[in-house]
Amino acid sequence: MSMDRIRLLLRIERLRKRLNETNPEDRDELQAISRRLDRLIVQFLRGPGGVTCRANLCGYSMENYGK
């Protein structure tokens, strides 16, 4: 795994931890962190060595995944 992907994973983990530590009543902050986290996860999945399509991301039902 490249250093860039490792750094990206570390950013994802830090942001995930921050999301979990955020006050549940602060909906605006939760939403902002969640959106940033979503973007990082997509960036990771689309990067080198990642996946371009997963069943749940491409609109396929899990019944047909892998067939």
N, C-alpha and C. Protein backbone atom coordinates (compact mmCIF):
# COMPACT_ATOMS: atom_id res chain seq x y z
N MET A 1 0.86 -1.17 0.00
CA MET A 1 0.00 0.00 0.00
C MET A 1 0.90 1.23 0.00
N SER A 2 0.56 2.19 -0.83
CA SER A 2 1.38 3.40 -0.95
C SER A 2 1.22 4.29 0.28
N MET A 3 2.18 5.17 0.45
CA MET A 3 2.13 6.12 1.57
C MET A 3 0.91 7.03 1.46
N ASP A 4 0.53 7.39 0.24
CA ASP A 4 -0.65 8.25 0.07
C ASP A 4 -1.91 7.55 0.57
N ARG A 5 -2.03 6.26 0.27
CA ARG A 5 -3.21 5.51 0.73
C ARG A 5 -3.18 5.34 2.25
N ILE A 6 -2.00 5.15 2.80
CA ILE A 6 -1.88 5.03 4.25
C ILE A 6 -2.28 6.35 4.91
N ARG A 7 -1.80 7.46 4.35
CA ARG A 7 -2.18 8.78 4.89
C ARG A 7 -3.68 8.99 4.81
N LEU A 8 -4.26 8.58 3.70
CA LEU A 8 -5.71 8.71 3.52
C LEU A 8 -6.46 7.88 4.56
N LEU A 9 -5.99 6.67 4.81
CA LEU A 9 -6.62 5.83 5.84
C LEU A 9 -6.51 6.48 7.22
N LEU A 10 -5.37 7.08 7.50
CA LEU A 10 -5.20 7.76 8.79
C LEU A 10 -6.15 8.95 8.91
N ARG A 11 -6.31 9.69 7.82
CA ARG A 11 -7.26 10.82 7.83
C ARG A 11 -8.69 10.31 8.06
N ILE A 12 -9.03 9.21 7.40
CA ILE A 12 -10.37 8.62 7.58
C ILE A 12 -10.57 8.22 9.04
N GLU A 13 -9.58 7.57 9.61
CA GLU A 13 -9.70 7.11 10.99
C GLU A 13 -9.81 8.28 11.96
N ARG A 14 -9.01 9.33 11.76
CA ARG A 14 -9.09 10.50 12.65
C ARG A 14 -10.46 11.17 12.54
N LEU A 15 -10.96 11.29 11.32
CA LEU A 15 -12.26 11.93 11.13
C LEU A 15 -13.39 11.07 11.69
N ARG A 16 -13.27 9.75 11.55
CA ARG A 16 -14.26 8.84 12.12
C ARG A 16 -14.30 8.98 13.64
N LYS A 17 -13.12 9.08 14.24
CA LYS A 17 -13.04 9.25 15.68
C LYS A 17 -13.68 10.58 16.10
N ARG A 18 -13.38 11.63 15.34
CA ARG A 18 -13.96 12.94 15.63
C ARG A 18 -15.48 12.90 15.52
N LEU A 19 -15.98 12.21 14.50
CA LEU A 19 -17.43 12.07 14.32
C LEU A 19 -18.05 11.40 15.54
N ASN A 20 -17.42 10.34 16.01
CA ASN A 20 -17.94 9.61 17.17
C ASN A 20 -17.88 10.42 18.45
N GLU A 21 -16.95 11.37 18.53
CA GLU A 21 -16.80 12.18 19.74
C GLU A 21 -17.62 13.47 19.70
N THR A 22 -18.24 13.76 18.58
CA THR A 22 -19.03 14.98 18.43
C THR A 22 -20.35 14.86 19.18
N ASN A 23 -20.75 15.96 19.77
CA ASN A 23 -22.01 16.02 20.50
C ASN A 23 -23.16 15.64 19.56
N PRO A 24 -23.95 14.64 19.91
CA PRO A 24 -25.06 14.21 19.04
C PRO A 24 -26.09 15.30 18.77
N GLU A 25 -26.14 16.29 19.63
CA GLU A 25 -27.11 17.38 19.42
C GLU A 25 -26.62 18.41 18.42
N ASP A 26 -25.34 18.38 18.09
CA ASP A 26 -24.77 19.33 17.13
C ASP A 26 -24.90 18.75 15.72
N ARG A 27 -26.11 18.79 15.21
CA ARG A 27 -26.41 18.15 13.93
C ARG A 27 -25.64 18.75 12.75
N ASP A 28 -25.44 20.05 12.77
CA ASP A 28 -24.71 20.69 11.67
C ASP A 28 -23.27 20.19 11.62
N GLU A 29 -22.63 20.10 12.78
CA GLU A 29 -21.25 19.61 12.84
C GLU A 29 -21.19 18.13 12.44
N LEU A 30 -22.14 17.34 12.92
CA LEU A 30 -22.18 15.92 12.55
C LEU A 30 -22.32 15.75 11.04
N GLN A 31 -23.19 16.54 10.45
CA GLN A 31 -23.41 16.43 9.02
C GLN A 31 -22.16 16.85 8.24
N ALA A 32 -21.51 17.91 8.67
CA ALA A 32 -20.31 18.39 7.99
C ALA A 32 -19.19 17.34 8.06
N ILE A 33 -18.99 16.78 9.24
CA ILE A 33 -17.95 15.76 9.40
C ILE A 33 -18.30 14.52 8.58
N SER A 34 -19.55 14.12 8.62
CA SER A 34 -20.00 12.94 7.89
C SER A 34 -19.77 13.10 6.39
N ARG A 35 -20.05 14.27 5.86
CA ARG A 35 -19.84 14.51 4.43
C ARG A 35 -18.37 14.46 4.07
N ARG A 36 -17.53 15.05 4.92
CA ARG A 36 -16.08 14.98 4.67
C ARG A 36 -15.60 13.54 4.71
N LEU A 37 -16.10 12.80 5.67
CA LEU A 37 -15.72 11.39 5.80
C LEU A 37 -16.17 10.60 4.58
N ASP A 38 -17.37 10.84 4.11
CA ASP A 38 -17.87 10.17 2.90
C ASP A 38 -16.95 10.43 1.71
N ARG A 39 -16.55 11.69 1.54
CA ARG A 39 -15.67 12.03 0.41
C ARG A 39 -14.32 11.31 0.51
N LEU A 40 -13.77 11.24 1.72
CA LEU A 40 -12.50 10.55 1.88
C LEU A 40 -12.62 9.06 1.60
N ILE A 41 -13.72 8.47 2.04
CA ILE A 41 -13.92 7.03 1.81
C ILE A 41 -14.06 6.76 0.31
N VAL A 42 -14.81 7.59 -0.38
CA VAL A 42 -14.95 7.42 -1.84
C VAL A 42 -13.60 7.59 -2.51
N GLN A 43 -12.83 8.58 -2.08
CA GLN A 43 -11.49 8.80 -2.64
C GLN A 43 -10.63 7.56 -2.42
N PHE A 44 -10.71 6.98 -1.24
CA PHE A 44 -9.93 5.78 -0.95
C PHE A 44 -10.37 4.61 -1.84
N LEU A 45 -11.67 4.42 -1.96
CA LEU A 45 -12.18 3.30 -2.75
C LEU A 45 -11.86 3.44 -4.23
N ARG A 46 -11.82 4.65 -4.73
CA ARG A 46 -11.56 4.87 -6.15
C ARG A 46 -10.07 4.95 -6.48
N GLY A 47 -9.24 5.04 -5.47
CA GLY A 47 -7.81 5.18 -5.70
C GLY A 47 -7.16 3.91 -6.19
N PRO A 48 -5.85 3.98 -6.46
CA PRO A 48 -5.11 2.80 -6.91
C PRO A 48 -5.24 1.66 -5.91
N GLY A 49 -5.58 0.51 -6.41
CA GLY A 49 -5.75 -0.65 -5.54
C GLY A 49 -7.12 -0.72 -4.90
N GLY A 50 -7.93 0.30 -5.14
CA GLY A 50 -9.28 0.32 -4.59
C GLY A 50 -10.25 -0.36 -5.53
N VAL A 51 -11.50 -0.14 -5.29
CA VAL A 51 -12.53 -0.73 -6.14
C VAL A 51 -13.22 0.37 -6.92
N THR A 52 -13.72 0.05 -8.07
CA THR A 52 -14.44 1.04 -8.85
C THR A 52 -15.94 0.89 -8.68
N CYS A 53 -16.36 -0.28 -8.23
CA CYS A 53 -17.79 -0.50 -8.07
C CYS A 53 -18.03 -1.56 -7.01
N ARG A 54 -18.87 -1.26 -6.09
CA ARG A 54 -19.35 -2.23 -5.11
C ARG A 54 -20.85 -2.33 -5.32
N ALA A 55 -21.41 -3.43 -4.97
CA ALA A 55 -22.84 -3.65 -5.21
C ALA A 55 -23.69 -2.53 -4.63
N ASN A 56 -23.43 -2.14 -3.41
CA ASN A 56 -24.28 -1.13 -2.77
C ASN A 56 -24.00 0.28 -3.29
N LEU A 57 -22.87 0.51 -3.95
CA LEU A 57 -22.56 1.83 -4.48
C LEU A 57 -23.06 2.00 -5.91
N CYS A 58 -23.34 0.90 -6.60
CA CYS A 58 -23.72 0.97 -8.00
C CYS A 58 -25.18 0.64 -8.24
N GLY A 59 -25.94 0.47 -7.20
CA GLY A 59 -27.37 0.25 -7.35
C GLY A 59 -27.78 -1.19 -7.57
N TYR A 60 -26.87 -2.13 -7.42
CA TYR A 60 -27.22 -3.53 -7.57
C TYR A 60 -27.68 -4.08 -6.24
N SER A 61 -28.57 -5.04 -6.29
CA SER A 61 -28.97 -5.69 -5.05
C SER A 61 -27.88 -6.67 -4.64
N MET A 62 -27.77 -6.94 -3.37
CA MET A 62 -26.75 -7.86 -2.89
C MET A 62 -27.01 -9.29 -3.38
N GLU A 63 -28.24 -9.60 -3.75
CA GLU A 63 -28.54 -10.93 -4.28
C GLU A 63 -27.76 -11.21 -5.55
N ASN A 64 -27.58 -10.18 -6.37
CA ASN A 64 -26.91 -10.36 -7.66
C ASN A 64 -25.42 -10.08 -7.60
N TYR A 65 -24.91 -9.67 -6.45
CA TYR A 65 -23.50 -9.33 -6.33
C TYR A 65 -22.65 -10.58 -6.50
N GLY A 66 -21.70 -10.51 -7.39
CA GLY A 66 -20.78 -11.61 -7.62
C GLY A 66 -21.29 -12.66 -8.59
N LYS A 67 -22.47 -12.46 -9.16
CA LYS A 67 -23.00 -13.45 -10.12
C LYS A 67 -22.62 -13.08 -11.53
